[in-house]
Amino acid sequence: MNIVLSPDNPPSLFGVYSDPLRDARRHTASIVYVVDVPLDVAPKAGDDATDVVLIALHDIDHRTFFVDHKTMLRDYRAAVTKGE
């Protein structure tokens, strides 16, 4: 995302997604990290994305995502809204 993270705000491992059926092209694995990005920082897309878009967690189900990325986001949403 082309941003510099503060040592006080390191990424934390959220999950590993490696279902062989997740991507029809080949067996791949995604390692998912969570990090708080300050609102005044503008992340930029890297080599595997065309853009970076800020969306609300409640909008996940109304969007289209690559292969199982919606599953990853739904899992994150469930984790952060647990107990609300």
C-alpha atoms as a PDB file:
ATOM      1  CA  MET A   1       0.000   0.000   0.000  1.00  0.00           C
ATOM      2  CA  ASN A   2       3.045   2.214  -0.153  1.00  0.00           C
ATOM      3  CA  ILE A   3       2.680   3.565   3.382  1.00  0.00           C
ATOM      4  CA  VAL A   4       5.135   3.701   6.242  1.00  0.00           C
ATOM      5  CA  LEU A   5       3.824   2.191   9.459  1.00  0.00           C
ATOM      6  CA  SER A   6       4.801   3.423  12.879  1.00  0.00           C
ATOM      7  CA  PRO A   7       6.562   0.872  15.103  1.00  0.00           C
ATOM      8  CA  ASP A   8       3.839   1.705  17.638  1.00  0.00           C
ATOM      9  CA  ASN A   9       1.197   0.471  15.179  1.00  0.00           C
ATOM     10  CA  PRO A  10       2.421  -2.862  13.772  1.00  0.00           C
ATOM     11  CA  PRO A  11       0.227  -5.085  11.594  1.00  0.00           C
ATOM     12  CA  SER A  12      -1.365  -8.064  13.339  1.00  0.00           C
ATOM     13  CA  LEU A  13      -2.000 -11.409  11.706  1.00  0.00           C
ATOM     14  CA  PHE A  14      -5.713 -11.947  11.121  1.00  0.00           C
ATOM     15  CA  GLY A  15      -5.833 -15.186   9.159  1.00  0.00           C
ATOM     16  CA  VAL A  16      -4.538 -17.507   6.485  1.00  0.00           C
ATOM     17  CA  TYR A  17      -6.834 -18.436   3.605  1.00  0.00           C
ATOM     18  CA  SER A  18      -5.658 -21.378   1.527  1.00  0.00           C
ATOM     19  CA  ASP A  19      -8.656 -23.371   0.308  1.00  0.00           C
ATOM     20  CA  PRO A  20      -7.472 -25.060  -2.928  1.00  0.00           C
ATOM     21  CA  LEU A  21     -10.785 -24.144  -4.579  1.00  0.00           C
ATOM     22  CA  ARG A  22     -10.627 -20.426  -3.717  1.00  0.00           C
ATOM     23  CA  ASP A  23      -9.074 -19.440  -7.047  1.00  0.00           C
ATOM     24  CA  ALA A  24      -9.832 -21.372 -10.233  1.00  0.00           C
ATOM     25  CA  ARG A  25      -6.510 -20.332 -11.799  1.00  0.00           C
ATOM     26  CA  ARG A  26      -4.272 -22.132  -9.290  1.00  0.00           C
ATOM     27  CA  HIS A  27      -3.865 -22.996  -5.619  1.00  0.00           C
ATOM     28  CA  THR A  28      -2.933 -19.823  -3.789  1.00  0.00           C
ATOM     29  CA  ALA A  29      -2.810 -18.707  -0.194  1.00  0.00           C
ATOM     30  CA  SER A  30      -3.508 -15.278   1.264  1.00  0.00           C
ATOM     31  CA  ILE A  31      -2.005 -14.125   4.529  1.00  0.00           C
ATOM     32  CA  VAL A  32      -4.264 -11.407   5.957  1.00  0.00           C
ATOM     33  CA  TYR A  33      -3.005  -8.715   8.314  1.00  0.00           C
ATOM     34  CA  VAL A  34      -4.895  -5.901  10.014  1.00  0.00           C
ATOM     35  CA  VAL A  35      -3.407  -2.477  10.606  1.00  0.00           C
ATOM     36  CA  ASP A  36      -4.901   0.862  11.579  1.00  0.00           C
ATOM     37  CA  VAL A  37      -4.178   3.396   8.850  1.00  0.00           C
ATOM     38  CA  PRO A  38      -4.577   7.035   9.935  1.00  0.00           C
ATOM     39  CA  LEU A  39      -7.276   8.906   8.012  1.00  0.00           C
ATOM     40  CA  ASP A  40      -4.739  11.452   6.773  1.00  0.00           C
ATOM     41  CA  VAL A  41      -2.735   8.723   4.996  1.00  0.00           C
ATOM     42  CA  ALA A  42      -3.711   7.859   1.432  1.00  0.00           C
ATOM     43  CA  PRO A  43      -2.774   4.252   0.601  1.00  0.00           C
ATOM     44  CA  LYS A  44      -1.888   3.536  -3.026  1.00  0.00           C
ATOM     45  CA  ALA A  45      -2.511   0.333  -4.960  1.00  0.00           C
ATOM     46  CA  GLY A  46       0.466  -1.948  -5.456  1.00  0.00           C
ATOM     47  CA  ASP A  47       1.269  -4.468  -8.155  1.00  0.00           C
ATOM     48  CA  ASP A  48      -1.726  -6.693  -7.443  1.00  0.00           C
ATOM     49  CA  ALA A  49      -4.501  -4.090  -7.209  1.00  0.00           C
ATOM     50  CA  THR A  50      -5.804  -1.337  -9.438  1.00  0.00           C
ATOM     51  CA  ASP A  51      -6.948   0.928  -6.617  1.00  0.00           C
ATOM     52  CA  VAL A  52      -7.603   1.237  -2.889  1.00  0.00           C
ATOM     53  CA  VAL A  53     -11.130   2.063  -1.763  1.00  0.00           C
ATOM     54  CA  LEU A  54     -12.361   2.827   1.746  1.00  0.00           C
ATOM     55  CA  ILE A  55     -15.693   1.107   2.365  1.00  0.00           C
ATOM     56  CA  ALA A  56     -17.856   0.699   5.433  1.00  0.00           C
ATOM     57  CA  LEU A  57     -18.102  -2.790   6.921  1.00  0.00           C
ATOM     58  CA  HIS A  58     -21.867  -2.796   6.396  1.00  0.00           C
ATOM     59  CA  ASP A  59     -21.306  -2.292   2.637  1.00  0.00           C
ATOM     60  CA  ILE A  60     -19.290  -5.501   2.147  1.00  0.00           C
ATOM     61  CA  ASP A  61     -22.291  -7.584   1.084  1.00  0.00           C
ATOM     62  CA  HIS A  62     -23.268  -5.061  -1.608  1.00  0.00           C
ATOM     63  CA  ARG A  63     -19.897  -5.113  -3.378  1.00  0.00           C
ATOM     64  CA  THR A  64     -18.094  -7.499  -5.704  1.00  0.00           C
ATOM     65  CA  PHE A  65     -14.647  -8.746  -4.733  1.00  0.00           C
ATOM     66  CA  PHE A  66     -11.970 -10.966  -6.237  1.00  0.00           C
ATOM     67  CA  VAL A  67     -12.322 -14.704  -5.442  1.00  0.00           C
ATOM     68  CA  ASP A  68     -12.762 -15.091  -1.660  1.00  0.00           C
ATOM     69  CA  HIS A  69     -11.882 -11.572  -0.533  1.00  0.00           C
ATOM     70  CA  LYS A  70     -15.503 -11.033   0.501  1.00  0.00           C
ATOM     71  CA  THR A  71     -15.119 -14.026   2.844  1.00  0.00           C
ATOM     72  CA  MET A  72     -12.031 -12.433   4.384  1.00  0.00           C
ATOM     73  CA  LEU A  73     -13.855  -9.148   4.908  1.00  0.00           C
ATOM     74  CA  ARG A  74     -16.923 -10.880   6.340  1.00  0.00           C
ATOM     75  CA  ASP A  75     -14.691 -12.789   8.760  1.00  0.00           C
ATOM     76  CA  TYR A  76     -13.049  -9.522   9.815  1.00  0.00           C
ATOM     77  CA  ARG A  77     -16.431  -7.852  10.248  1.00  0.00           C
ATOM     78  CA  ALA A  78     -17.625 -10.758  12.406  1.00  0.00           C
ATOM     79  CA  ALA A  79     -14.490 -10.541  14.543  1.00  0.00           C
ATOM     80  CA  VAL A  80     -14.737  -6.796  15.196  1.00  0.00           C
ATOM     81  CA  THR A  81     -18.493  -6.708  15.727  1.00  0.00           C
ATOM     82  CA  LYS A  82     -18.623  -9.726  18.047  1.00  0.00           C
ATOM     83  CA  GLY A  83     -20.512  -8.751  21.181  1.00  0.00           C
ATOM     84  CA  GLU A  84     -22.068  -5.574  19.804  1.00  0.00           C
END
